[in-house]
Amino acid sequence: MFYVITYDISDDKIRNKLMKLLKNYGRRVQFSCFEVDLTEKELETLKEKIESLIDSSTDKVYIFPVSNYVINDIVKLGIKEKQNESYIL
């Protein structure tokens, strides 16, 4: 399933660790926002890793599920995304 993950982390070190963790799972679309496509098991693993990383008294992480029914209706405005280029060696 597709998810949008956003976060508000005050500590630079923790925020950078979270950003690096999320880069392993998906694509950064904004400074504190990622798109990820995960199985239920991958989501549970990621949530455990996030919970062990953040300070639950000061930090916030939101994981929004995006239904497959609406994924094609997502509107993206502004700078166009770079397409992944393929190369044949």
PDB file of N, CA and C in Angstrom:
ATOM      1  N   MET A   1       0.843  -1.179   0.000  1.00  0.00           N
ATOM      2  CA  MET A   1       0.000   0.000   0.000  1.00  0.00           C
ATOM      3  C   MET A   1       0.887   1.241   0.000  1.00  0.00           C
ATOM      4  N   PHE A   2       0.356   2.286  -0.557  1.00  0.00           N
ATOM      5  CA  PHE A   2       1.063   3.551  -0.682  1.00  0.00           C
ATOM      6  C   PHE A   2       0.793   4.406   0.559  1.00  0.00           C
ATOM      7  N   TYR A   3       1.834   5.094   1.067  1.00  0.00           N
ATOM      8  CA  TYR A   3       1.704   5.949   2.247  1.00  0.00           C
ATOM      9  C   TYR A   3       2.444   7.254   2.020  1.00  0.00           C
ATOM     10  N   VAL A   4       1.960   8.294   2.673  1.00  0.00           N
ATOM     11  CA  VAL A   4       2.675   9.560   2.762  1.00  0.00           C
ATOM     12  C   VAL A   4       3.088   9.705   4.223  1.00  0.00           C
ATOM     13  N   ILE A   5       4.375   9.935   4.450  1.00  0.00           N
ATOM     14  CA  ILE A   5       4.902  10.066   5.807  1.00  0.00           C
ATOM     15  C   ILE A   5       5.454  11.474   5.976  1.00  0.00           C
ATOM     16  N   THR A   6       4.972  12.157   7.007  1.00  0.00           N
ATOM     17  CA  THR A   6       5.463  13.494   7.326  1.00  0.00           C
ATOM     18  C   THR A   6       5.962  13.502   8.766  1.00  0.00           C
ATOM     19  N   TYR A   7       6.847  14.427   9.055  1.00  0.00           N
ATOM     20  CA  TYR A   7       7.390  14.460  10.410  1.00  0.00           C
ATOM     21  C   TYR A   7       7.770  15.870  10.824  1.00  0.00           C
ATOM     22  N   ASP A   8       7.771  16.067  12.139  1.00  0.00           N
ATOM     23  CA  ASP A   8       8.214  17.315  12.759  1.00  0.00           C
ATOM     24  C   ASP A   8       9.140  16.907  13.898  1.00  0.00           C
ATOM     25  N   ILE A   9      10.436  16.983  13.647  1.00  0.00           N
ATOM     26  CA  ILE A   9      11.463  16.547  14.596  1.00  0.00           C
ATOM     27  C   ILE A   9      12.335  17.754  14.917  1.00  0.00           C
ATOM     28  N   SER A  10      12.457  18.098  16.194  1.00  0.00           N
ATOM     29  CA  SER A  10      13.218  19.298  16.562  1.00  0.00           C
ATOM     30  C   SER A  10      14.728  19.071  16.588  1.00  0.00           C
ATOM     31  N   ASP A  11      15.163  17.878  16.936  1.00  0.00           N
ATOM     32  CA  ASP A  11      16.595  17.578  17.052  1.00  0.00           C
ATOM     33  C   ASP A  11      17.179  17.261  15.670  1.00  0.00           C
ATOM     34  N   ASP A  12      18.188  18.033  15.255  1.00  0.00           N
ATOM     35  CA  ASP A  12      18.788  17.851  13.927  1.00  0.00           C
ATOM     36  C   ASP A  12      19.324  16.446  13.714  1.00  0.00           C
ATOM     37  N   LYS A  13      19.984  15.898  14.710  1.00  0.00           N
ATOM     38  CA  LYS A  13      20.598  14.575  14.584  1.00  0.00           C
ATOM     39  C   LYS A  13      19.530  13.497  14.367  1.00  0.00           C
ATOM     40  N   ILE A  14      18.464  13.557  15.147  1.00  0.00           N
ATOM     41  CA  ILE A  14      17.377  12.580  15.007  1.00  0.00           C
ATOM     42  C   ILE A  14      16.667  12.774  13.674  1.00  0.00           C
ATOM     43  N   ARG A  15      16.429  14.040  13.300  1.00  0.00           N
ATOM     44  CA  ARG A  15      15.761  14.325  12.031  1.00  0.00           C
ATOM     45  C   ARG A  15      16.566  13.773  10.859  1.00  0.00           C
ATOM     46  N   ASN A  16      17.881  13.935  10.883  1.00  0.00           N
ATOM     47  CA  ASN A  16      18.724  13.409   9.806  1.00  0.00           C
ATOM     48  C   ASN A  16      18.713  11.885   9.772  1.00  0.00           C
ATOM     49  N   LYS A  17      18.707  11.258  10.938  1.00  0.00           N
ATOM     50  CA  LYS A  17      18.634   9.794  10.984  1.00  0.00           C
ATOM     51  C   LYS A  17      17.308   9.300  10.422  1.00  0.00           C
ATOM     52  N   LEU A  18      16.226   9.994  10.772  1.00  0.00           N
ATOM     53  CA  LEU A  18      14.910   9.607  10.253  1.00  0.00           C
ATOM     54  C   LEU A  18      14.856   9.794   8.744  1.00  0.00           C
ATOM     55  N   MET A  19      15.396  10.902   8.254  1.00  0.00           N
ATOM     56  CA  MET A  19      15.419  11.154   6.816  1.00  0.00           C
ATOM     57  C   MET A  19      16.178  10.047   6.087  1.00  0.00           C
ATOM     58  N   LYS A  20      17.320   9.634   6.614  1.00  0.00           N
ATOM     59  CA  LYS A  20      18.103   8.562   5.989  1.00  0.00           C
ATOM     60  C   LYS A  20      17.351   7.241   6.031  1.00  0.00           C
ATOM     61  N   LEU A  21      16.669   6.980   7.135  1.00  0.00           N
ATOM     62  CA  LEU A  21      15.869   5.762   7.246  1.00  0.00           C
ATOM     63  C   LEU A  21      14.765   5.756   6.197  1.00  0.00           C
ATOM     64  N   LEU A  22      14.030   6.851   6.091  1.00  0.00           N
ATOM     65  CA  LEU A  22      12.916   6.914   5.146  1.00  0.00           C
ATOM     66  C   LEU A  22      13.381   6.859   3.697  1.00  0.00           C
ATOM     67  N   LYS A  23      14.574   7.373   3.411  1.00  0.00           N
ATOM     68  CA  LYS A  23      15.121   7.287   2.048  1.00  0.00           C
ATOM     69  C   LYS A  23      15.290   5.837   1.604  1.00  0.00           C
ATOM     70  N   ASN A  24      15.506   4.940   2.567  1.00  0.00           N
ATOM     71  CA  ASN A  24      15.640   3.522   2.242  1.00  0.00           C
ATOM     72  C   ASN A  24      14.307   2.883   1.876  1.00  0.00           C
ATOM     73  N   TYR A  25      13.219   3.546   2.208  1.00  0.00           N
ATOM     74  CA  TYR A  25      11.891   2.983   1.977  1.00  0.00           C
ATOM     75  C   TYR A  25      11.125   3.663   0.850  1.00  0.00           C
ATOM     76  N   GLY A  26      11.499   4.890   0.524  1.00  0.00           N
ATOM     77  CA  GLY A  26      10.708   5.600  -0.470  1.00  0.00           C
ATOM     78  C   GLY A  26      11.400   6.827  -1.007  1.00  0.00           C
ATOM     79  N   ARG A  27      10.585   7.775  -1.431  1.00  0.00           N
ATOM     80  CA  ARG A  27      11.075   8.945  -2.146  1.00  0.00           C
ATOM     81  C   ARG A  27      10.711  10.215  -1.379  1.00  0.00           C
ATOM     82  N   ARG A  28      11.708  11.050  -1.197  1.00  0.00           N
ATOM     83  CA  ARG A  28      11.491  12.333  -0.521  1.00  0.00           C
ATOM     84  C   ARG A  28      10.822  13.291  -1.496  1.00  0.00           C
ATOM     85  N   VAL A  29       9.680  13.861  -1.090  1.00  0.00           N
ATOM     86  CA  VAL A  29       8.964  14.795  -1.955  1.00  0.00           C
ATOM     87  C   VAL A  29       9.005  16.228  -1.433  1.00  0.00           C
ATOM     88  N   GLN A  30       9.266  16.400  -0.157  1.00  0.00           N
ATOM     89  CA  GLN A  30       9.442  17.698   0.478  1.00  0.00           C
ATOM     90  C   GLN A  30      10.456  17.516   1.596  1.00  0.00           C
ATOM     91  N   PHE A  31      10.823  18.600   2.254  1.00  0.00           N
ATOM     92  CA  PHE A  31      11.833  18.515   3.305  1.00  0.00           C
ATOM     93  C   PHE A  31      11.471  17.487   4.369  1.00  0.00           C
ATOM     94  N   SER A  32      10.226  17.452   4.796  1.00  0.00           N
ATOM     95  CA  SER A  32       9.794  16.535   5.859  1.00  0.00           C
ATOM     96  C   SER A  32       8.666  15.628   5.397  1.00  0.00           C
ATOM     97  N   CYS A  33       8.715  15.209   4.149  1.00  0.00           N
ATOM     98  CA  CYS A  33       7.623  14.416   3.586  1.00  0.00           C
ATOM     99  C   CYS A  33       8.161  13.378   2.600  1.00  0.00           C
ATOM    100  N   PHE A  34       7.713  12.137   2.780  1.00  0.00           N
ATOM    101  CA  PHE A  34       8.127  11.032   1.918  1.00  0.00           C
ATOM    102  C   PHE A  34       6.915  10.292   1.382  1.00  0.00           C
ATOM    103  N   GLU A  35       7.066   9.728   0.186  1.00  0.00           N
ATOM    104  CA  GLU A  35       6.105   8.787  -0.381  1.00  0.00           C
ATOM    105  C   GLU A  35       6.751   7.414  -0.314  1.00  0.00           C
ATOM    106  N   VAL A  36       5.998   6.432   0.179  1.00  0.00           N
ATOM    107  CA  VAL A  36       6.530   5.075   0.272  1.00  0.00           C
ATOM    108  C   VAL A  36       5.461   4.084  -0.169  1.00  0.00           C
ATOM    109  N   ASP A  37       5.895   2.962  -0.684  1.00  0.00           N
ATOM    110  CA  ASP A  37       4.998   1.875  -1.066  1.00  0.00           C
ATOM    111  C   ASP A  37       5.446   0.654  -0.275  1.00  0.00           C
ATOM    112  N   LEU A  38       4.633   0.226   0.701  1.00  0.00           N
ATOM    113  CA  LEU A  38       5.056  -0.796   1.655  1.00  0.00           C
ATOM    114  C   LEU A  38       4.032  -1.913   1.802  1.00  0.00           C
ATOM    115  N   THR A  39       4.533  -3.088   2.108  1.00  0.00           N
ATOM    116  CA  THR A  39       3.659  -4.172   2.537  1.00  0.00           C
ATOM    117  C   THR A  39       3.309  -3.923   4.002  1.00  0.00           C
ATOM    118  N   GLU A  40       2.350  -4.677   4.525  1.00  0.00           N
ATOM    119  CA  GLU A  40       1.998  -4.530   5.946  1.00  0.00           C
ATOM    120  C   GLU A  40       3.195  -4.825   6.836  1.00  0.00           C
ATOM    121  N   LYS A  41       3.951  -5.860   6.480  1.00  0.00           N
ATOM    122  CA  LYS A  41       5.123  -6.234   7.280  1.00  0.00           C
ATOM    123  C   LYS A  41       6.178  -5.132   7.242  1.00  0.00           C
ATOM    124  N   GLU A  42       6.422  -4.575   6.058  1.00  0.00           N
ATOM    125  CA  GLU A  42       7.389  -3.478   5.936  1.00  0.00           C
ATOM    126  C   GLU A  42       6.943  -2.262   6.743  1.00  0.00           C
ATOM    127  N   LEU A  43       5.641  -1.987   6.732  1.00  0.00           N
ATOM    128  CA  LEU A  43       5.119  -0.862   7.502  1.00  0.00           C
ATOM    129  C   LEU A  43       5.343  -1.081   8.993  1.00  0.00           C
ATOM    130  N   GLU A  44       5.060  -2.271   9.480  1.00  0.00           N
ATOM    131  CA  GLU A  44       5.264  -2.566  10.901  1.00  0.00           C
ATOM    132  C   GLU A  44       6.737  -2.425  11.291  1.00  0.00           C
ATOM    133  N   THR A  45       7.619  -2.930  10.434  1.00  0.00           N
ATOM    134  CA  THR A  45       9.062  -2.813  10.687  1.00  0.00           C
ATOM    135  C   THR A  45       9.480  -1.351  10.721  1.00  0.00           C
ATOM    136  N   LEU A  46       8.999  -0.579   9.759  1.00  0.00           N
ATOM    137  CA  LEU A  46       9.341   0.841   9.699  1.00  0.00           C
ATOM    138  C   LEU A  46       8.819   1.572  10.933  1.00  0.00           C
ATOM    139  N   LYS A  47       7.597   1.295  11.350  1.00  0.00           N
ATOM    140  CA  LYS A  47       7.044   1.951  12.541  1.00  0.00           C
ATOM    141  C   LYS A  47       7.879   1.638  13.775  1.00  0.00           C
ATOM    142  N   GLU A  48       8.317   0.405  13.912  1.00  0.00           N
ATOM    143  CA  GLU A  48       9.170   0.033  15.050  1.00  0.00           C
ATOM    144  C   GLU A  48      10.483   0.807  15.028  1.00  0.00           C
ATOM    145  N   LYS A  49      11.079   0.923  13.842  1.00  0.00           N
ATOM    146  CA  LYS A  49      12.340   1.662  13.719  1.00  0.00           C
ATOM    147  C   LYS A  49      12.145   3.140  14.048  1.00  0.00           C
ATOM    148  N   ILE A  50      11.044   3.706  13.577  1.00  0.00           N
ATOM    149  CA  ILE A  50      10.762   5.114  13.849  1.00  0.00           C
ATOM    150  C   ILE A  50      10.552   5.330  15.344  1.00  0.00           C
ATOM    151  N   GLU A  51       9.762   4.465  15.969  1.00  0.00           N
ATOM    152  CA  GLU A  51       9.481   4.608  17.401  1.00  0.00           C
ATOM    153  C   GLU A  51      10.745   4.509  18.247  1.00  0.00           C
ATOM    154  N   SER A  52      11.696   3.686  17.811  1.00  0.00           N
ATOM    155  CA  SER A  52      12.943   3.554  18.571  1.00  0.00           C
ATOM    156  C   SER A  52      13.872   4.745  18.354  1.00  0.00           C
ATOM    157  N   LEU A  53      13.627   5.503  17.308  1.00  0.00           N
ATOM    158  CA  LEU A  53      14.496   6.613  16.942  1.00  0.00           C
ATOM    159  C   LEU A  53      14.044   7.945  17.539  1.00  0.00           C
ATOM    160  N   ILE A  54      12.746   8.190  17.540  1.00  0.00           N
ATOM    161  CA  ILE A  54      12.244   9.512  17.917  1.00  0.00           C
ATOM    162  C   ILE A  54      12.029   9.646  19.425  1.00  0.00           C
ATOM    163  N   ASP A  55      11.885  10.883  19.851  1.00  0.00           N
ATOM    164  CA  ASP A  55      11.524  11.196  21.236  1.00  0.00           C
ATOM    165  C   ASP A  55      10.014  11.445  21.241  1.00  0.00           C
ATOM    166  N   SER A  56       9.257  10.507  21.772  1.00  0.00           N
ATOM    167  CA  SER A  56       7.797  10.589  21.701  1.00  0.00           C
ATOM    168  C   SER A  56       7.208  11.744  22.507  1.00  0.00           C
ATOM    169  N   SER A  57       8.008  12.385  23.333  1.00  0.00           N
ATOM    170  CA  SER A  57       7.498  13.525  24.102  1.00  0.00           C
ATOM    171  C   SER A  57       7.604  14.842  23.328  1.00  0.00           C
ATOM    172  N   THR A  58       8.415  14.866  22.267  1.00  0.00           N
ATOM    173  CA  THR A  58       8.596  16.115  21.517  1.00  0.00           C
ATOM    174  C   THR A  58       8.412  15.970  20.009  1.00  0.00           C
ATOM    175  N   ASP A  59       8.565  14.776  19.469  1.00  0.00           N
ATOM    176  CA  ASP A  59       8.555  14.570  18.023  1.00  0.00           C
ATOM    177  C   ASP A  59       7.206  14.042  17.539  1.00  0.00           C
ATOM    178  N   LYS A  60       6.915  14.333  16.256  1.00  0.00           N
ATOM    179  CA  LYS A  60       5.683  13.846  15.641  1.00  0.00           C
ATOM    180  C   LYS A  60       6.008  13.227  14.288  1.00  0.00           C
ATOM    181  N   VAL A  61       5.420  12.066  14.033  1.00  0.00           N
ATOM    182  CA  VAL A  61       5.507  11.423  12.728  1.00  0.00           C
ATOM    183  C   VAL A  61       4.095  10.982  12.361  1.00  0.00           C
ATOM    184  N   TYR A  62       3.652  11.358  11.167  1.00  0.00           N
ATOM    185  CA  TYR A  62       2.334  10.965  10.680  1.00  0.00           C
ATOM    186  C   TYR A  62       2.515  10.044   9.482  1.00  0.00           C
ATOM    187  N   ILE A  63       1.759   8.960   9.471  1.00  0.00           N
ATOM    188  CA  ILE A  63       1.780   8.016   8.354  1.00  0.00           C
ATOM    189  C   ILE A  63       0.361   7.964   7.799  1.00  0.00           C
ATOM    190  N   PHE A  64       0.182   8.519   6.603  1.00  0.00           N
ATOM    191  CA  PHE A  64      -1.131   8.590   5.974  1.00  0.00           C
ATOM    192  C   PHE A  64      -1.248   7.519   4.891  1.00  0.00           C
ATOM    193  N   PRO A  65      -2.187   6.585   5.022  1.00  0.00           N
ATOM    194  CA  PRO A  65      -2.389   5.618   3.947  1.00  0.00           C
ATOM    195  C   PRO A  65      -3.089   6.298   2.769  1.00  0.00           C
ATOM    196  N   VAL A  66      -2.686   5.928   1.573  1.00  0.00           N
ATOM    197  CA  VAL A  66      -3.303   6.459   0.359  1.00  0.00           C
ATOM    198  C   VAL A  66      -3.900   5.279  -0.393  1.00  0.00           C
ATOM    199  N   SER A  67      -5.195   5.279  -0.506  1.00  0.00           N
ATOM    200  CA  SER A  67      -5.907   4.184  -1.158  1.00  0.00           C
ATOM    201  C   SER A  67      -5.484   4.044  -2.617  1.00  0.00           C
ATOM    202  N   ASN A  68      -5.419   2.809  -3.078  1.00  0.00           N
ATOM    203  CA  ASN A  68      -5.104   2.554  -4.485  1.00  0.00           C
ATOM    204  C   ASN A  68      -6.150   3.171  -5.412  1.00  0.00           C
ATOM    205  N   TYR A  69      -7.351   3.411  -4.881  1.00  0.00           N
ATOM    206  CA  TYR A  69      -8.416   4.003  -5.691  1.00  0.00           C
ATOM    207  C   TYR A  69      -8.156   5.470  -6.004  1.00  0.00           C
ATOM    208  N   VAL A  70      -7.404   6.147  -5.156  1.00  0.00           N
ATOM    209  CA  VAL A  70      -7.180   7.581  -5.367  1.00  0.00           C
ATOM    210  C   VAL A  70      -5.759   7.918  -5.802  1.00  0.00           C
ATOM    211  N   ILE A  71      -4.894   6.940  -5.840  1.00  0.00           N
ATOM    212  CA  ILE A  71      -3.483   7.218  -6.135  1.00  0.00           C
ATOM    213  C   ILE A  71      -3.296   7.891  -7.497  1.00  0.00           C
ATOM    214  N   ASN A  72      -4.109   7.526  -8.484  1.00  0.00           N
ATOM    215  CA  ASN A  72      -3.987   8.147  -9.807  1.00  0.00           C
ATOM    216  C   ASN A  72      -4.603   9.538  -9.857  1.00  0.00           C
ATOM    217  N   ASP A  73      -5.333   9.916  -8.808  1.00  0.00           N
ATOM    218  CA  ASP A  73      -5.967  11.230  -8.762  1.00  0.00           C
ATOM    219  C   ASP A  73      -5.132  12.263  -8.010  1.00  0.00           C
ATOM    220  N   ILE A  74      -3.943  11.885  -7.568  1.00  0.00           N
ATOM    221  CA  ILE A  74      -3.081  12.826  -6.855  1.00  0.00           C
ATOM    222  C   ILE A  74      -2.663  13.935  -7.819  1.00  0.00           C
ATOM    223  N   VAL A  75      -2.833  15.162  -7.379  1.00  0.00           N
ATOM    224  CA  VAL A  75      -2.493  16.326  -8.201  1.00  0.00           C
ATOM    225  C   VAL A  75      -1.144  16.859  -7.736  1.00  0.00           C
ATOM    226  N   LYS A  76      -0.216  17.002  -8.673  1.00  0.00           N
ATOM    227  CA  LYS A  76       1.111  17.550  -8.377  1.00  0.00           C
ATOM    228  C   LYS A  76       1.278  18.816  -9.203  1.00  0.00           C
ATOM    229  N   LEU A  77       1.530  19.934  -8.526  1.00  0.00           N
ATOM    230  CA  LEU A  77       1.679  21.226  -9.188  1.00  0.00           C
ATOM    231  C   LEU A  77       3.089  21.756  -8.983  1.00  0.00           C
ATOM    232  N   GLY A  78       3.517  22.616  -9.868  1.00  0.00           N
ATOM    233  CA  GLY A  78       4.833  23.232  -9.704  1.00  0.00           C
ATOM    234  C   GLY A  78       5.887  22.535 -10.541  1.00  0.00           C
ATOM    235  N   ILE A  79       7.094  22.499 -10.015  1.00  0.00           N
ATOM    236  CA  ILE A  79       8.242  21.943 -10.731  1.00  0.00           C
ATOM    237  C   ILE A  79       7.978  20.489 -11.085  1.00  0.00           C
ATOM    238  N   LYS A  80       8.208  20.170 -12.336  1.00  0.00           N
ATOM    239  CA  LYS A  80       8.011  18.791 -12.772  1.00  0.00           C
ATOM    240  C   LYS A  80       9.114  17.911 -12.212  1.00  0.00           C
ATOM    241  N   GLU A  81       8.730  16.679 -11.886  1.00  0.00           N
ATOM    242  CA  GLU A  81       9.701  15.726 -11.354  1.00  0.00           C
ATOM    243  C   GLU A  81      10.610  15.237 -12.467  1.00  0.00           C
ATOM    244  N   LYS A  82      11.850  14.973 -12.105  1.00  0.00           N
ATOM    245  CA  LYS A  82      12.791  14.406 -13.063  1.00  0.00           C
ATOM    246  C   LYS A  82      12.450  12.940 -13.260  1.00  0.00           C
ATOM    247  N   GLN A  83      12.434  12.514 -14.488  1.00  0.00           N
ATOM    248  CA  GLN A  83      12.187  11.112 -14.799  1.00  0.00           C
ATOM    249  C   GLN A  83      13.476  10.335 -14.616  1.00  0.00           C
ATOM    250  N   ASN A  84      13.364   9.122 -14.105  1.00  0.00           N
ATOM    251  CA  ASN A  84      14.545   8.264 -14.015  1.00  0.00           C
ATOM    252  C   ASN A  84      14.979   7.913 -15.424  1.00  0.00           C
ATOM    253  N   GLU A  85      16.226   8.145 -15.701  1.00  0.00           N
ATOM    254  CA  GLU A  85      16.746   7.850 -17.024  1.00  0.00           C
ATOM    255  C   GLU A  85      17.321   6.453 -17.040  1.00  0.00           C
ATOM    256  N   SER A  86      17.128   5.759 -18.145  1.00  0.00           N
ATOM    257  CA  SER A  86      17.675   4.416 -18.302  1.00  0.00           C
ATOM    258  C   SER A  86      18.869   4.482 -19.240  1.00  0.00           C
ATOM    259  N   TYR A  87      19.860   3.710 -18.907  1.00  0.00           N
ATOM    260  CA  TYR A  87      21.062   3.659 -19.728  1.00  0.00           C
ATOM    261  C   TYR A  87      21.361   2.215 -20.071  1.00  0.00           C
ATOM    262  N   ILE A  88      21.809   1.992 -21.286  1.00  0.00           N
ATOM    263  CA  ILE A  88      22.247   0.663 -21.702  1.00  0.00           C
ATOM    264  C   ILE A  88      23.755   0.711 -21.838  1.00  0.00           C
ATOM    265  N   LEU A  89      24.423  -0.177 -21.115  1.00  0.00           N
ATOM    266  CA  LEU A  89      25.886  -0.213 -21.177  1.00  0.00           C
ATOM    267  C   LEU A  89      26.348  -1.348 -22.045  1.00  0.00           C
TER     268      LEU A  89
END
